[in-house]
């Protein structure tokens, strides 16, 4: 990777004087005002729950710009927390940091996140495939016998999850979802998740991408349930190239697959510190993120 490419990587933001709300594996979140948050997508990448020492060029910009695209795409379908991604419209205290924020940040309304992660699956992959092999079900949803890995499901299914104490997502049943958030809320977030996934899947397929599954998050503003967090990015979804799709095997995907594959080839115990990533793996991963943006939006990353 060239020095100029490396210089585009932002692994951590520093906004002196702006209160830090939280710093996650990928995103730095700041208190923009009493009622607003600033979400900054860095170029950090985690694999097997370990943050890599190197960042991935353009990754944060892809996550933010794709989320902005989908918030606009769904603007007539559901309310969301999205306000603007234009730094010039941010509160005055944030504008001096435009060099860190431009293209990779969003100003959003505060909301209380619901403690259920809403996963919609249209294809059999990942943990869903493992569950199906073991039980013939996913999260208690009965599926037909004889399906293969990466099979397309006749109808998308809702397979909720929640964060365990370890920080990993754990699949939960419909009954557990109802117990956590109540029946009315559970039905609403299930129906809205499947509705948005179906609309996005049809659109993406016309652009050459199969959305195998995605995770949406919802939050409460007063009594209103709104769409929050990132939306339909390579970090929250499984994007496969439509060309070459073939059930019965693992599919290539527009995400950190190259990093995972490289790490799996090493004798690494998947505990910190992570091994360094070769430049070719970093650049190929960056290219896949940019390709996902270009295919879905019809334009190169700005």
Protein backbone atom coordinates (compact mmCIF):
# COMPACT_ATOMS: atom_id res chain seq x y z
CA UNK A 1 0.00 0.00 0.00
CA UNK A 2 1.34 3.42 -0.90
CA UNK A 3 2.09 6.08 1.69
CA UNK A 4 -0.63 8.30 0.21
CA UNK A 5 -3.22 5.56 0.66
CA UNK A 6 -2.08 4.90 4.23
CA UNK A 7 -2.45 8.60 5.04
CA UNK A 8 -6.20 8.32 4.40
CA UNK A 9 -6.64 5.95 7.35
CA UNK A 10 -8.25 7.33 10.52
CA UNK A 11 -8.12 4.84 13.38
CA UNK A 12 -9.24 7.16 16.15
CA UNK A 13 -10.74 10.63 16.37
CA UNK A 14 -9.72 13.37 18.77
CA UNK A 15 -12.15 16.27 19.24
CA UNK A 16 -10.83 18.35 22.19
CA UNK A 17 -13.65 20.00 24.08
CA UNK A 18 -16.37 17.73 22.66
CA UNK A 19 -17.64 15.19 25.23
CA UNK A 20 -16.98 11.59 24.21
CA UNK A 21 -20.11 9.44 24.61
CA UNK A 22 -18.52 6.08 23.80
CA UNK A 23 -15.83 4.46 21.68
CA UNK A 24 -16.71 1.12 20.14
CA UNK A 25 -14.84 -1.32 17.94
CA UNK A 26 -15.40 0.87 14.88
CA UNK A 27 -17.24 4.05 15.85
CA UNK A 28 -16.46 7.03 18.05
CA UNK A 29 -19.64 8.68 19.37
CA UNK A 30 -19.73 12.19 20.79
CA UNK A 31 -22.30 14.33 22.60
CA UNK A 32 -23.14 16.97 20.00
CA UNK A 33 -25.88 18.62 22.09
CA UNK A 34 -28.45 17.73 24.75
CA UNK A 35 -30.56 15.99 22.11
CA UNK A 36 -28.03 15.01 19.43
CA UNK A 37 -25.13 12.62 18.98
CA UNK A 38 -22.26 12.70 16.51
CA UNK A 39 -21.43 9.24 15.14
CA UNK A 40 -18.01 8.94 13.50
CA UNK A 41 -17.11 5.77 11.60
CA UNK A 42 -13.35 5.24 11.86
CA UNK A 43 -11.28 2.92 9.69
CA UNK A 44 -10.82 0.44 12.53
CA UNK A 45 -11.61 -3.17 11.69
CA UNK A 46 -12.36 -5.95 14.14
CA UNK A 47 -12.13 -9.62 13.34
CA UNK A 48 -13.03 -12.36 15.80
CA UNK A 49 -13.83 -9.53 18.25
CA UNK A 50 -10.25 -8.20 18.15
CA UNK A 51 -9.50 -4.77 16.67
CA UNK A 52 -6.69 -4.96 14.13
CA UNK A 53 -3.61 -2.78 14.49
CA UNK A 54 -4.06 -1.39 10.98
CA UNK A 55 -7.05 0.50 9.68
CA UNK A 56 -8.72 -0.13 6.32
CA UNK A 57 -8.57 2.89 3.94
CA UNK A 58 -12.03 4.35 3.17
CA UNK A 59 -13.85 1.84 5.39
CA UNK A 60 -15.36 4.48 7.67
CA UNK A 61 -16.44 6.64 4.75
CA UNK A 62 -18.15 3.65 3.10
CA UNK A 63 -20.02 2.78 6.31
CA UNK A 64 -21.24 6.36 6.74
CA UNK A 65 -22.03 7.10 3.12
CA UNK A 66 -23.92 3.83 2.65
CA UNK A 67 -25.92 4.45 5.82
CA UNK A 68 -26.79 7.94 4.53
CA UNK A 69 -27.88 6.39 1.24
CA UNK A 70 -30.20 3.90 2.97
CA UNK A 71 -31.65 6.45 5.41
CA UNK A 72 -32.64 8.47 2.35
CA UNK A 73 -33.88 5.33 0.56
CA UNK A 74 -36.19 4.51 3.50
CA UNK A 75 -37.22 8.09 4.30
CA UNK A 76 -40.89 7.45 3.39
CA UNK A 77 -41.00 4.02 5.06
CA UNK A 78 -39.90 4.62 8.65
CA UNK A 79 -38.70 7.50 10.85
CA UNK A 80 -35.00 7.44 11.72
CA UNK A 81 -32.45 9.19 13.89
CA UNK A 82 -30.58 10.66 10.89
CA UNK A 83 -30.32 14.46 10.74
CA UNK A 84 -27.42 15.38 8.43
CA UNK A 85 -23.94 14.35 7.29
CA UNK A 86 -23.02 17.89 6.17
CA UNK A 87 -20.33 19.19 8.55
CA UNK A 88 -21.32 22.77 7.72
CA UNK A 89 -24.72 22.08 9.31
CA UNK A 90 -23.23 20.63 12.51
CA UNK A 91 -23.16 22.63 15.77
CA UNK A 92 -20.43 25.28 15.72
CA UNK A 93 -18.25 23.39 18.22
CA UNK A 94 -17.86 20.48 15.77
CA UNK A 95 -17.01 22.37 12.59
CA UNK A 96 -13.32 22.99 13.40
CA UNK A 97 -12.83 19.21 13.16
CA UNK A 98 -14.02 18.92 9.57
CA UNK A 99 -10.78 17.23 8.53
CA UNK A 100 -11.66 14.28 10.78
CA UNK A 101 -15.43 14.36 10.27
CA UNK A 102 -16.08 15.06 6.58
CA UNK A 103 -17.52 12.05 4.78
CA UNK A 104 -17.38 9.71 7.77
CA UNK A 105 -19.75 11.23 10.35
CA UNK A 106 -23.48 11.73 10.93
CA UNK A 107 -25.41 14.01 13.25
CA UNK A 108 -28.32 12.05 14.71
CA UNK A 109 -31.17 12.45 17.18
CA UNK A 110 -30.70 10.74 20.51
CA UNK A 111 -32.83 7.66 21.13
CA UNK A 112 -32.97 4.86 23.67
CA UNK A 113 -31.80 1.71 21.84
CA UNK A 114 -34.09 -1.31 22.13
CA UNK A 115 -32.15 -4.25 23.65
CA UNK A 116 -32.94 -6.53 20.70
CA UNK A 117 -30.96 -6.67 17.47
CA UNK A 118 -33.25 -7.32 14.54
CA UNK A 119 -31.81 -9.72 11.98
CA UNK A 120 -33.56 -10.46 8.70
CA UNK A 121 -32.34 -13.45 6.71
CA UNK A 122 -33.12 -14.19 3.10
CA UNK A 123 -30.40 -16.79 2.58
CA UNK A 124 -28.96 -19.57 4.72
CA UNK A 125 -25.51 -18.47 5.91
CA UNK A 126 -23.30 -17.90 8.92
CA UNK A 127 -24.71 -18.81 12.32
CA UNK A 128 -28.09 -19.45 10.68
CA UNK A 129 -26.58 -22.19 8.53
CA UNK A 130 -24.94 -23.74 11.60
CA UNK A 131 -28.23 -23.66 13.53
CA UNK A 132 -30.09 -25.18 10.59
CA UNK A 133 -27.56 -28.02 10.29
CA UNK A 134 -27.95 -28.78 14.00
CA UNK A 135 -31.70 -28.36 14.47
CA UNK A 136 -33.44 -27.67 11.14
CA UNK A 137 -34.46 -24.28 12.58
CA UNK A 138 -33.11 -20.77 13.14
CA UNK A 139 -34.22 -19.06 16.36
CA UNK A 140 -37.07 -21.56 16.51
CA UNK A 141 -38.22 -20.83 12.93
CA UNK A 142 -38.84 -24.14 11.17
CA UNK A 143 -37.24 -24.38 7.71
CA UNK A 144 -37.77 -26.97 4.97
CA UNK A 145 -35.53 -30.03 5.00
CA UNK A 146 -32.78 -30.45 2.43
CA UNK A 147 -31.60 -26.84 2.13
CA UNK A 148 -27.97 -26.19 1.23
CA UNK A 149 -25.53 -23.60 2.51
CA UNK A 150 -26.40 -20.23 0.91
CA UNK A 151 -29.85 -21.45 -0.23
CA UNK A 152 -32.33 -18.64 -0.86
CA UNK A 153 -35.30 -18.85 1.51
CA UNK A 154 -38.80 -18.70 0.03
CA UNK A 155 -39.68 -15.91 2.48
CA UNK A 156 -37.25 -13.84 4.57
CA UNK A 157 -37.28 -14.74 8.26
CA UNK A 158 -36.83 -12.67 11.41
CA UNK A 159 -34.14 -14.03 13.73
CA UNK A 160 -33.58 -11.62 16.63
CA UNK A 161 -30.45 -11.51 18.77
CA UNK A 162 -29.28 -9.84 21.93
CA UNK A 163 -25.92 -8.97 23.43
CA UNK A 164 -24.66 -11.56 25.90
CA UNK A 165 -22.43 -10.60 28.84
CA UNK A 166 -19.43 -11.59 26.71
CA UNK A 167 -20.33 -8.94 24.14
CA UNK A 168 -21.18 -11.50 21.46
CA UNK A 169 -24.56 -11.53 19.75
CA UNK A 170 -26.71 -14.48 20.81
CA UNK A 171 -29.73 -15.61 18.82
CA UNK A 172 -32.97 -15.56 20.80
CA UNK A 173 -36.46 -16.92 20.17
CA UNK A 174 -39.60 -14.98 19.35
CA UNK A 175 -40.93 -15.71 22.85
CA UNK A 176 -37.77 -14.22 24.39
CA UNK A 177 -38.10 -11.15 22.17
CA UNK A 178 -41.68 -10.61 23.36
CA UNK A 179 -40.55 -11.04 26.95
CA UNK A 180 -37.84 -8.38 26.52
CA UNK A 181 -39.75 -5.63 24.66
CA UNK A 182 -43.44 -6.61 24.83
CA UNK A 183 -45.71 -8.03 22.13
CA UNK A 184 -46.70 -4.80 20.37
CA UNK A 185 -43.11 -3.57 20.09
CA UNK A 186 -41.83 -7.00 19.06
CA UNK A 187 -44.39 -7.26 16.26
CA UNK A 188 -43.62 -3.74 15.02
CA UNK A 189 -39.85 -4.17 14.87
CA UNK A 190 -40.22 -7.62 13.28
CA UNK A 191 -42.62 -6.36 10.60
CA UNK A 192 -40.61 -3.21 9.87
CA UNK A 193 -37.31 -5.11 9.76
CA UNK A 194 -38.67 -7.63 7.25
CA UNK A 195 -40.32 -4.87 5.20
CA UNK A 196 -37.12 -2.82 4.92
CA UNK A 197 -34.99 -5.87 4.22
CA UNK A 198 -37.31 -7.03 1.44
CA UNK A 199 -37.30 -3.59 -0.19
CA UNK A 200 -33.51 -3.31 0.06
CA UNK A 201 -32.95 -6.85 -1.19
CA UNK A 202 -34.99 -6.26 -4.32
CA UNK A 203 -33.17 -3.00 -5.04
CA UNK A 204 -29.71 -4.44 -4.37
CA UNK A 205 -30.34 -7.46 -6.59
CA UNK A 206 -31.06 -5.06 -9.47
CA UNK A 207 -27.61 -3.56 -8.78
CA UNK A 208 -25.77 -6.91 -8.79
CA UNK A 209 -25.64 -7.56 -5.04
CA UNK A 210 -27.49 -10.23 -3.05
CA UNK A 211 -28.18 -9.17 0.54
CA UNK A 212 -28.06 -12.49 2.34
CA UNK A 213 -28.95 -11.02 5.72
CA UNK A 214 -28.79 -7.79 7.67
CA UNK A 215 -29.01 -6.50 11.22
CA UNK A 216 -31.14 -3.44 11.95
CA UNK A 217 -31.37 -1.59 15.23
CA UNK A 218 -34.31 0.38 16.56
CA UNK A 219 -34.64 2.95 19.33
CA UNK A 220 -37.27 4.88 21.26
CA UNK A 221 -37.77 8.63 21.09
CA UNK A 222 -40.58 9.15 23.52
CA UNK A 223 -43.20 6.65 22.39
CA UNK A 224 -41.98 6.54 18.78
CA UNK A 225 -39.86 3.65 17.47
CA UNK A 226 -37.22 4.88 15.02
CA UNK A 227 -34.47 3.30 12.93
CA UNK A 228 -31.03 3.96 14.46
CA UNK A 229 -27.37 2.96 14.16
CA UNK A 230 -25.84 2.08 10.80
CA UNK A 231 -28.02 0.65 8.05
CA UNK A 232 -27.25 -2.06 5.48
CA UNK A 233 -23.48 -1.68 5.41
CA UNK A 234 -20.87 -4.41 4.82
CA UNK A 235 -20.34 -4.45 8.60
CA UNK A 236 -24.01 -5.07 9.45
CA UNK A 237 -24.99 -7.17 6.43
CA UNK A 238 -23.80 -10.01 4.25
CA UNK A 239 -23.43 -8.75 0.67
CA UNK A 240 -22.70 -11.33 -2.04
CA UNK A 241 -21.96 -10.74 -5.74
CA UNK A 242 -24.99 -11.80 -7.77
CA UNK A 243 -22.70 -13.02 -10.55
CA UNK A 244 -21.41 -16.46 -9.66
CA UNK A 245 -23.92 -17.10 -6.88
CA UNK A 246 -24.18 -20.85 -6.34
CA UNK A 247 -25.89 -22.56 -3.39
CA UNK A 248 -24.06 -25.40 -1.71
CA UNK A 249 -20.92 -23.49 -0.75
CA UNK A 250 -19.70 -20.38 1.00
CA UNK A 251 -20.07 -17.24 -1.14
CA UNK A 252 -17.53 -14.45 -1.63
CA UNK A 253 -18.66 -11.26 0.11
CA UNK A 254 -18.11 -7.50 0.11
CA UNK A 255 -16.66 -7.16 3.58
CA UNK A 256 -13.70 -8.17 5.76
CA UNK A 257 -13.64 -11.70 4.39
CA UNK A 258 -10.07 -11.29 3.13
CA UNK A 259 -8.95 -10.36 6.64
CA UNK A 260 -10.77 -13.30 8.22
CA UNK A 261 -9.40 -15.72 5.61
CA UNK A 262 -5.86 -14.47 6.19
CA UNK A 263 -6.18 -14.72 9.97
CA UNK A 264 -7.60 -18.24 9.72
CA UNK A 265 -4.45 -19.25 7.81
CA UNK A 266 -2.26 -18.28 10.79
CA UNK A 267 -1.53 -19.99 14.09
CA UNK A 268 -3.20 -17.17 16.03
CA UNK A 269 -5.28 -17.79 19.16
CA UNK A 270 -7.70 -14.95 18.28
CA UNK A 271 -6.72 -13.00 21.36
CA UNK A 272 -5.02 -9.59 21.49
CA UNK A 273 -2.58 -8.54 20.24
CA UNK A 274 -3.60 -9.20 16.63
CA UNK A 275 -1.04 -10.15 13.99
CA UNK A 276 -0.14 -7.44 11.46
CA UNK A 277 -2.06 -7.51 8.18
CA UNK A 278 -0.13 -7.65 4.90
CA UNK A 279 -0.62 -4.56 2.67
CA UNK A 280 -2.27 -6.70 -0.02
CA UNK A 281 -4.94 -7.93 2.42
CA UNK A 282 -5.61 -4.38 3.64
CA UNK A 283 -5.90 -3.00 0.10
CA UNK A 284 -8.13 -5.84 -1.15
CA UNK A 285 -10.46 -5.37 1.83
CA UNK A 286 -10.63 -1.63 1.16
CA UNK A 287 -11.44 -2.35 -2.48
CA UNK A 288 -14.35 -4.64 -1.51
CA UNK A 289 -15.89 -1.98 0.73
CA UNK A 290 -15.60 0.62 -2.06
CA UNK A 291 -17.06 -1.82 -4.59
CA UNK A 292 -20.11 -2.39 -2.39
CA UNK A 293 -20.73 1.37 -2.25
CA UNK A 294 -20.22 1.82 -6.00
CA UNK A 295 -22.55 -1.02 -6.98
CA UNK A 296 -25.34 -0.07 -4.59
CA UNK A 297 -25.32 3.68 -5.25
CA UNK A 298 -24.26 3.67 -8.90
CA UNK A 299 -21.37 6.08 -8.25
CA UNK A 300 -17.82 5.87 -6.90
CA UNK A 301 -17.12 6.79 -3.31
CA UNK A 302 -16.82 10.61 -3.16
